[in-house]
């Protein structure tokens, strides 16, 4: 029983750790892009009250929504192919 459960647990653990590491790197990339976009918008809209915060927030939101949409489409397509 344990010999059967342990490999499944190990595979699931490796998968979870892999996902967590990928998520950490993705978060780091997102923060870098956020800083770049925010700095660029502040320079571009320096005369504005918001100093580019509104524009950078809108850009980050649009990119994020597009990323979520594409990811959902990609994984739902592969999920349906397995069945």
PDB file of N, CA and C in Angstrom:
ATOM      1  N   UNK A   1       0.826  -1.202   0.000  1.00  0.00           N
ATOM      2  CA  UNK A   1       0.000   0.000   0.000  1.00  0.00           C
ATOM      3  C   UNK A   1       0.867   1.262   0.000  1.00  0.00           C
ATOM      4  N   UNK A   2       1.845   1.301   0.909  1.00  0.00           N
ATOM      5  CA  UNK A   2       2.701   2.481   1.005  1.00  0.00           C
ATOM      6  C   UNK A   2       3.559   2.621  -0.245  1.00  0.00           C
ATOM      7  N   UNK A   3       4.017   1.502  -0.796  1.00  0.00           N
ATOM      8  CA  UNK A   3       4.836   1.553  -2.008  1.00  0.00           C
ATOM      9  C   UNK A   3       4.036   2.128  -3.174  1.00  0.00           C
ATOM     10  N   UNK A   4       2.738   1.934  -3.155  1.00  0.00           N
ATOM     11  CA  UNK A   4       1.889   2.448  -4.227  1.00  0.00           C
ATOM     12  C   UNK A   4       1.571   3.933  -4.022  1.00  0.00           C
ATOM     13  N   UNK A   5       1.357   4.342  -2.781  1.00  0.00           N
ATOM     14  CA  UNK A   5       0.987   5.715  -2.462  1.00  0.00           C
ATOM     15  C   UNK A   5       2.196   6.648  -2.534  1.00  0.00           C
ATOM     16  N   UNK A   6       3.355   6.197  -2.105  1.00  0.00           N
ATOM     17  CA  UNK A   6       4.527   7.064  -2.040  1.00  0.00           C
ATOM     18  C   UNK A   6       4.934   7.630  -3.406  1.00  0.00           C
ATOM     19  N   UNK A   7       5.008   6.824  -4.475  1.00  0.00           N
ATOM     20  CA  UNK A   7       5.360   7.417  -5.776  1.00  0.00           C
ATOM     21  C   UNK A   7       4.342   8.466  -6.255  1.00  0.00           C
ATOM     22  N   UNK A   8       3.076   8.239  -5.982  1.00  0.00           N
ATOM     23  CA  UNK A   8       2.052   9.217  -6.350  1.00  0.00           C
ATOM     24  C   UNK A   8       2.237  10.512  -5.561  1.00  0.00           C
ATOM     25  N   UNK A   9       2.530  10.366  -4.263  1.00  0.00           N
ATOM     26  CA  UNK A   9       2.768  11.534  -3.420  1.00  0.00           C
ATOM     27  C   UNK A   9       4.014  12.280  -3.892  1.00  0.00           C
ATOM     28  N   UNK A  10       5.067  11.532  -4.204  1.00  0.00           N
ATOM     29  CA  UNK A  10       6.318  12.141  -4.662  1.00  0.00           C
ATOM     30  C   UNK A  10       6.114  12.888  -5.982  1.00  0.00           C
ATOM     31  N   UNK A  11       5.387  12.289  -6.910  1.00  0.00           N
ATOM     32  CA  UNK A  11       5.101  12.953  -8.184  1.00  0.00           C
ATOM     33  C   UNK A  11       4.306  14.229  -7.970  1.00  0.00           C
ATOM     34  N   UNK A  12       3.324  14.169  -7.100  1.00  0.00           N
ATOM     35  CA  UNK A  12       2.492  15.342  -6.824  1.00  0.00           C
ATOM     36  C   UNK A  12       3.298  16.428  -6.118  1.00  0.00           C
ATOM     37  N   UNK A  13       4.180  16.029  -5.215  1.00  0.00           N
ATOM     38  CA  UNK A  13       5.045  16.983  -4.520  1.00  0.00           C
ATOM     39  C   UNK A  13       5.990  17.674  -5.499  1.00  0.00           C
ATOM     40  N   UNK A  14       6.600  16.896  -6.386  1.00  0.00           N
ATOM     41  CA  UNK A  14       7.500  17.485  -7.392  1.00  0.00           C
ATOM     42  C   UNK A  14       6.744  18.454  -8.299  1.00  0.00           C
ATOM     43  N   UNK A  15       5.546  18.091  -8.680  1.00  0.00           N
ATOM     44  CA  UNK A  15       4.722  18.956  -9.525  1.00  0.00           C
ATOM     45  C   UNK A  15       4.388  20.259  -8.790  1.00  0.00           C
ATOM     46  N   UNK A  16       4.020  20.157  -7.523  1.00  0.00           N
ATOM     47  CA  UNK A  16       3.672  21.345  -6.737  1.00  0.00           C
ATOM     48  C   UNK A  16       4.872  22.253  -6.518  1.00  0.00           C
ATOM     49  N   UNK A  17       6.027  21.682  -6.231  1.00  0.00           N
ATOM     50  CA  UNK A  17       7.231  22.478  -6.032  1.00  0.00           C
ATOM     51  C   UNK A  17       7.618  23.169  -7.335  1.00  0.00           C
ATOM     52  N   UNK A  18       7.518  22.451  -8.431  1.00  0.00           N
ATOM     53  CA  UNK A  18       7.819  23.025  -9.738  1.00  0.00           C
ATOM     54  C   UNK A  18       6.906  24.214 -10.038  1.00  0.00           C
ATOM     55  N   UNK A  19       5.632  24.057  -9.794  1.00  0.00           N
ATOM     56  CA  UNK A  19       4.666  25.138 -10.018  1.00  0.00           C
ATOM     57  C   UNK A  19       4.978  26.336  -9.126  1.00  0.00           C
ATOM     58  N   UNK A  20       5.345  26.078  -7.877  1.00  0.00           N
ATOM     59  CA  UNK A  20       5.660  27.173  -6.954  1.00  0.00           C
ATOM     60  C   UNK A  20       6.904  27.943  -7.410  1.00  0.00           C
ATOM     61  N   UNK A  21       7.913  27.243  -7.891  1.00  0.00           N
ATOM     62  CA  UNK A  21       9.123  27.904  -8.362  1.00  0.00           C
ATOM     63  C   UNK A  21       8.831  28.727  -9.612  1.00  0.00           C
ATOM     64  N   UNK A  22       8.065  28.170 -10.538  1.00  0.00           N
ATOM     65  CA  UNK A  22       7.686  28.894 -11.751  1.00  0.00           C
ATOM     66  C   UNK A  22       6.874  30.134 -11.388  1.00  0.00           C
ATOM     67  N   UNK A  23       5.969  30.003 -10.435  1.00  0.00           N
ATOM     68  CA  UNK A  23       5.160  31.141 -10.005  1.00  0.00           C
ATOM     69  C   UNK A  23       6.037  32.232  -9.385  1.00  0.00           C
ATOM     70  N   UNK A  24       7.041  31.843  -8.615  1.00  0.00           N
ATOM     71  CA  UNK A  24       7.940  32.826  -7.998  1.00  0.00           C
ATOM     72  C   UNK A  24       8.717  33.601  -9.066  1.00  0.00           C
ATOM     73  N   UNK A  25       9.243  32.885 -10.056  1.00  0.00           N
ATOM     74  CA  UNK A  25       9.960  33.562 -11.136  1.00  0.00           C
ATOM     75  C   UNK A  25       9.013  34.450 -11.943  1.00  0.00           C
ATOM     76  N   UNK A  26       7.810  33.985 -12.174  1.00  0.00           N
ATOM     77  CA  UNK A  26       6.825  34.784 -12.909  1.00  0.00           C
ATOM     78  C   UNK A  26       6.490  36.063 -12.155  1.00  0.00           C
ATOM     79  N   UNK A  27       6.365  35.961 -10.853  1.00  0.00           N
ATOM     80  CA  UNK A  27       6.078  37.135 -10.027  1.00  0.00           C
ATOM     81  C   UNK A  27       7.233  38.130 -10.091  1.00  0.00           C
ATOM     82  N   UNK A  28       8.463  37.628 -10.078  1.00  0.00           N
ATOM     83  CA  UNK A  28       9.632  38.484 -10.185  1.00  0.00           C
ATOM     84  C   UNK A  28       9.650  39.218 -11.525  1.00  0.00           C
ATOM     85  N   UNK A  29       9.339  38.511 -12.596  1.00  0.00           N
ATOM     86  CA  UNK A  29       9.267  39.133 -13.923  1.00  0.00           C
ATOM     87  C   UNK A  29       8.178  40.194 -13.948  1.00  0.00           C
ATOM     88  N   UNK A  30       7.025  39.883 -13.380  1.00  0.00           N
ATOM     89  CA  UNK A  30       5.914  40.839 -13.364  1.00  0.00           C
ATOM     90  C   UNK A  30       6.280  42.109 -12.599  1.00  0.00           C
ATOM     91  N   UNK A  31       6.971  41.964 -11.488  1.00  0.00           N
ATOM     92  CA  UNK A  31       7.389  43.142 -10.717  1.00  0.00           C
ATOM     93  C   UNK A  31       8.377  43.998 -11.508  1.00  0.00           C
ATOM     94  N   UNK A  32       9.270  43.352 -12.239  1.00  0.00           N
ATOM     95  CA  UNK A  32      10.223  44.105 -13.056  1.00  0.00           C
ATOM     96  C   UNK A  32       9.507  44.904 -14.137  1.00  0.00           C
ATOM     97  N   UNK A  33       8.564  44.257 -14.814  1.00  0.00           N
ATOM     98  CA  UNK A  33       7.802  44.957 -15.850  1.00  0.00           C
ATOM     99  C   UNK A  33       6.966  46.072 -15.247  1.00  0.00           C
ATOM    100  N   UNK A  34       6.418  45.836 -14.060  1.00  0.00           N
ATOM    101  CA  UNK A  34       5.606  46.857 -13.398  1.00  0.00           C
ATOM    102  C   UNK A  34       6.443  48.096 -13.116  1.00  0.00           C
ATOM    103  N   UNK A  35       7.654  47.876 -12.617  1.00  0.00           N
ATOM    104  CA  UNK A  35       8.537  49.008 -12.340  1.00  0.00           C
ATOM    105  C   UNK A  35       8.882  49.772 -13.613  1.00  0.00           C
ATOM    106  N   UNK A  36       9.165  49.047 -14.675  1.00  0.00           N
ATOM    107  CA  UNK A  36       9.492  49.696 -15.939  1.00  0.00           C
ATOM    108  C   UNK A  36       8.314  50.509 -16.463  1.00  0.00           C
ATOM    109  N   UNK A  37       7.143  49.918 -16.453  1.00  0.00           N
ATOM    110  CA  UNK A  37       5.949  50.614 -16.946  1.00  0.00           C
ATOM    111  C   UNK A  37       5.642  51.831 -16.082  1.00  0.00           C
ATOM    112  N   UNK A  38       5.716  51.687 -14.768  1.00  0.00           N
ATOM    113  CA  UNK A  38       5.417  52.792 -13.862  1.00  0.00           C
ATOM    114  C   UNK A  38       6.409  53.940 -14.052  1.00  0.00           C
ATOM    115  N   UNK A  39       7.686  53.612 -14.154  1.00  0.00           N
ATOM    116  CA  UNK A  39       8.699  54.650 -14.360  1.00  0.00           C
ATOM    117  C   UNK A  39       8.480  55.363 -15.689  1.00  0.00           C
ATOM    118  N   UNK A  40       8.188  54.593 -16.725  1.00  0.00           N
ATOM    119  CA  UNK A  40       7.960  55.187 -18.050  1.00  0.00           C
ATOM    120  C   UNK A  40       6.733  56.094 -18.039  1.00  0.00           C
ATOM    121  N   UNK A  41       5.684  55.662 -17.398  1.00  0.00           N
ATOM    122  CA  UNK A  41       4.454  56.454 -17.359  1.00  0.00           C
ATOM    123  C   UNK A  41       4.644  57.725 -16.525  1.00  0.00           C
ATOM    124  N   UNK A  42       5.430  57.630 -15.464  1.00  0.00           N
ATOM    125  CA  UNK A  42       5.697  58.826 -14.653  1.00  0.00           C
ATOM    126  C   UNK A  42       6.451  59.869 -15.471  1.00  0.00           C
ATOM    127  N   UNK A  43       7.415  59.419 -16.277  1.00  0.00           N
ATOM    128  CA  UNK A  43       8.163  60.353 -17.122  1.00  0.00           C
ATOM    129  C   UNK A  43       7.285  60.906 -18.229  1.00  0.00           C
ATOM    130  N   UNK A  44       6.457  60.052 -18.807  1.00  0.00           N
ATOM    131  CA  UNK A  44       5.596  60.466 -19.911  1.00  0.00           C
ATOM    132  C   UNK A  44       4.504  61.426 -19.450  1.00  0.00           C
ATOM    133  N   UNK A  45       3.916  61.136 -18.289  1.00  0.00           N
ATOM    134  CA  UNK A  45       2.808  61.948 -17.784  1.00  0.00           C
ATOM    135  C   UNK A  45       3.216  62.731 -16.533  1.00  0.00           C
ATOM    136  N   UNK A  46       4.395  63.283 -16.513  1.00  0.00           N
ATOM    137  CA  UNK A  46       4.888  63.982 -15.319  1.00  0.00           C
ATOM    138  C   UNK A  46       4.090  65.234 -14.994  1.00  0.00           C
ATOM    139  N   UNK A  47       3.400  65.786 -15.978  1.00  0.00           N
ATOM    140  CA  UNK A  47       2.592  66.984 -15.740  1.00  0.00           C
ATOM    141  C   UNK A  47       1.221  66.654 -15.162  1.00  0.00           C
ATOM    142  N   UNK A  48       0.864  65.414 -15.122  1.00  0.00           N
ATOM    143  CA  UNK A  48      -0.454  64.985 -14.655  1.00  0.00           C
ATOM    144  C   UNK A  48      -0.502  64.914 -13.124  1.00  0.00           C
ATOM    145  N   UNK A  49      -1.705  64.978 -12.580  1.00  0.00           N
ATOM    146  CA  UNK A  49      -1.901  64.845 -11.137  1.00  0.00           C
ATOM    147  C   UNK A  49      -1.494  63.447 -10.678  1.00  0.00           C
ATOM    148  N   UNK A  50      -1.856  62.434 -11.479  1.00  0.00           N
ATOM    149  CA  UNK A  50      -1.583  61.042 -11.106  1.00  0.00           C
ATOM    150  C   UNK A  50      -0.143  60.629 -11.422  1.00  0.00           C
ATOM    151  N   UNK A  51       0.583  61.442 -12.175  1.00  0.00           N
ATOM    152  CA  UNK A  51       1.958  61.185 -12.587  1.00  0.00           C
ATOM    153  C   UNK A  51       2.101  59.809 -13.241  1.00  0.00           C
ATOM    154  N   UNK A  52       1.168  59.477 -14.088  1.00  0.00           N
ATOM    155  CA  UNK A  52       1.250  58.233 -14.847  1.00  0.00           C
ATOM    156  C   UNK A  52       0.724  57.010 -14.133  1.00  0.00           C
ATOM    157  N   UNK A  53       0.313  57.145 -12.900  1.00  0.00           N
ATOM    158  CA  UNK A  53      -0.175  55.983 -12.151  1.00  0.00           C
ATOM    159  C   UNK A  53      -1.418  55.386 -12.796  1.00  0.00           C
ATOM    160  N   UNK A  54      -2.328  56.235 -13.249  1.00  0.00           N
ATOM    161  CA  UNK A  54      -3.542  55.752 -13.893  1.00  0.00           C
ATOM    162  C   UNK A  54      -3.212  55.021 -15.191  1.00  0.00           C
ATOM    163  N   UNK A  55      -2.333  55.600 -15.992  1.00  0.00           N
ATOM    164  CA  UNK A  55      -1.956  54.973 -17.262  1.00  0.00           C
ATOM    165  C   UNK A  55      -1.223  53.662 -17.031  1.00  0.00           C
ATOM    166  N   UNK A  56      -0.293  53.622 -16.100  1.00  0.00           N
ATOM    167  CA  UNK A  56       0.443  52.378 -15.850  1.00  0.00           C
ATOM    168  C   UNK A  56      -0.472  51.303 -15.282  1.00  0.00           C
ATOM    169  N   UNK A  57      -1.412  51.682 -14.442  1.00  0.00           N
ATOM    170  CA  UNK A  57      -2.370  50.720 -13.906  1.00  0.00           C
ATOM    171  C   UNK A  57      -3.243  50.151 -15.020  1.00  0.00           C
ATOM    172  N   UNK A  58      -3.665  51.013 -15.931  1.00  0.00           N
ATOM    173  CA  UNK A  58      -4.485  50.546 -17.055  1.00  0.00           C
ATOM    174  C   UNK A  58      -3.702  49.586 -17.940  1.00  0.00           C
ATOM    175  N   UNK A  59      -2.442  49.899 -18.229  1.00  0.00           N
ATOM    176  CA  UNK A  59      -1.622  49.015 -19.065  1.00  0.00           C
ATOM    177  C   UNK A  59      -1.394  47.674 -18.379  1.00  0.00           C
ATOM    178  N   UNK A  60      -1.043  47.708 -17.103  1.00  0.00           N
ATOM    179  CA  UNK A  60      -0.822  46.462 -16.366  1.00  0.00           C
ATOM    180  C   UNK A  60      -2.101  45.636 -16.319  1.00  0.00           C
ATOM    181  N   UNK A  61      -3.241  46.276 -16.125  1.00  0.00           N
ATOM    182  CA  UNK A  61      -4.517  45.566 -16.100  1.00  0.00           C
ATOM    183  C   UNK A  61      -4.818  44.925 -17.447  1.00  0.00           C
ATOM    184  N   UNK A  62      -4.620  45.660 -18.530  1.00  0.00           N
ATOM    185  CA  UNK A  62      -4.892  45.105 -19.865  1.00  0.00           C
ATOM    186  C   UNK A  62      -3.981  43.920 -20.181  1.00  0.00           C
ATOM    187  N   UNK A  63      -2.705  44.052 -19.875  1.00  0.00           N
ATOM    188  CA  UNK A  63      -1.774  42.951 -20.128  1.00  0.00           C
ATOM    189  C   UNK A  63      -2.130  41.736 -19.269  1.00  0.00           C
ATOM    190  N   UNK A  64      -2.494  41.972 -18.031  1.00  0.00           N
ATOM    191  CA  UNK A  64      -2.852  40.873 -17.132  1.00  0.00           C
ATOM    192  C   UNK A  64      -4.112  40.152 -17.589  1.00  0.00           C
ATOM    193  N   UNK A  65      -5.129  40.912 -17.976  1.00  0.00           N
ATOM    194  CA  UNK A  65      -6.377  40.306 -18.443  1.00  0.00           C
ATOM    195  C   UNK A  65      -6.121  39.502 -19.719  1.00  0.00           C
ATOM    196  N   UNK A  66      -5.318  40.044 -20.619  1.00  0.00           N
ATOM    197  CA  UNK A  66      -4.981  39.322 -21.845  1.00  0.00           C
ATOM    198  C   UNK A  66      -4.223  38.035 -21.515  1.00  0.00           C
ATOM    199  N   UNK A  67      -3.285  38.111 -20.582  1.00  0.00           N
ATOM    200  CA  UNK A  67      -2.545  36.924 -20.164  1.00  0.00           C
ATOM    201  C   UNK A  67      -3.436  35.871 -19.538  1.00  0.00           C
ATOM    202  N   UNK A  68      -4.366  36.291 -18.701  1.00  0.00           N
ATOM    203  CA  UNK A  68      -5.309  35.351 -18.084  1.00  0.00           C
ATOM    204  C   UNK A  68      -6.190  34.716 -19.141  1.00  0.00           C
ATOM    205  N   UNK A  69      -6.666  35.520 -20.083  1.00  0.00           N
ATOM    206  CA  UNK A  69      -7.517  35.008 -21.153  1.00  0.00           C
ATOM    207  C   UNK A  69      -6.775  33.969 -21.998  1.00  0.00           C
ATOM    208  N   UNK A  70      -5.551  34.295 -22.425  1.00  0.00           N
ATOM    209  CA  UNK A  70      -4.787  33.375 -23.259  1.00  0.00           C
ATOM    210  C   UNK A  70      -4.420  32.097 -22.509  1.00  0.00           C
ATOM    211  N   UNK A  71      -4.048  32.233 -21.250  1.00  0.00           N
ATOM    212  CA  UNK A  71      -3.715  31.059 -20.445  1.00  0.00           C
ATOM    213  C   UNK A  71      -4.921  30.150 -20.270  1.00  0.00           C
ATOM    214  N   UNK A  72      -6.070  30.736 -19.998  1.00  0.00           N
ATOM    215  CA  UNK A  72      -7.291  29.953 -19.832  1.00  0.00           C
ATOM    216  C   UNK A  72      -7.639  29.217 -21.120  1.00  0.00           C
ATOM    217  N   UNK A  73      -7.550  29.898 -22.242  1.00  0.00           N
ATOM    218  CA  UNK A  73      -7.832  29.263 -23.532  1.00  0.00           C
ATOM    219  C   UNK A  73      -6.847  28.138 -23.820  1.00  0.00           C
ATOM    220  N   UNK A  74      -5.556  28.371 -23.562  1.00  0.00           N
ATOM    221  CA  UNK A  74      -4.533  27.379 -23.836  1.00  0.00           C
ATOM    222  C   UNK A  74      -4.744  26.120 -23.005  1.00  0.00           C
ATOM    223  N   UNK A  75      -4.937  26.290 -21.693  1.00  0.00           N
ATOM    224  CA  UNK A  75      -5.066  25.129 -20.827  1.00  0.00           C
ATOM    225  C   UNK A  75      -6.410  24.440 -20.960  1.00  0.00           C
ATOM    226  N   UNK A  76      -7.467  25.167 -21.263  1.00  0.00           N
ATOM    227  CA  UNK A  76      -8.758  24.506 -21.444  1.00  0.00           C
ATOM    228  C   UNK A  76      -8.746  23.683 -22.723  1.00  0.00           C
ATOM    229  N   UNK A  77      -8.009  24.123 -23.745  1.00  0.00           N
ATOM    230  CA  UNK A  77      -7.900  23.372 -24.990  1.00  0.00           C
ATOM    231  C   UNK A  77      -7.160  22.066 -24.739  1.00  0.00           C
ATOM    232  N   UNK A  78      -6.061  22.117 -23.981  1.00  0.00           N
ATOM    233  CA  UNK A  78      -5.298  20.911 -23.680  1.00  0.00           C
ATOM    234  C   UNK A  78      -6.053  19.989 -22.738  1.00  0.00           C
ATOM    235  N   UNK A  79      -6.820  20.547 -21.861  1.00  0.00           N
ATOM    236  CA  UNK A  79      -7.601  19.747 -20.923  1.00  0.00           C
ATOM    237  C   UNK A  79      -8.656  18.949 -21.681  1.00  0.00           C
ATOM    238  N   UNK A  80      -9.300  19.560 -22.646  1.00  0.00           N
ATOM    239  CA  UNK A  80     -10.315  18.865 -23.436  1.00  0.00           C
ATOM    240  C   UNK A  80      -9.706  17.809 -24.337  1.00  0.00           C
ATOM    241  N   UNK A  81      -8.462  17.981 -24.803  1.00  0.00           N
ATOM    242  CA  UNK A  81      -7.805  17.004 -25.651  1.00  0.00           C
ATOM    243  C   UNK A  81      -7.469  15.737 -24.904  1.00  0.00           C
ATOM    244  N   UNK A  82      -7.206  15.813 -23.614  1.00  0.00           N
ATOM    245  CA  UNK A  82      -6.846  14.641 -22.813  1.00  0.00           C
ATOM    246  C   UNK A  82      -8.046  13.732 -22.584  1.00  0.00           C
ATOM    247  N   UNK A  83      -9.233  14.304 -22.587  1.00  0.00           N
ATOM    248  CA  UNK A  83     -10.423  13.520 -22.273  1.00  0.00           C
ATOM    249  C   UNK A  83     -10.857  12.704 -23.456  1.00  0.00           C
TER     250      UNK A  83
END
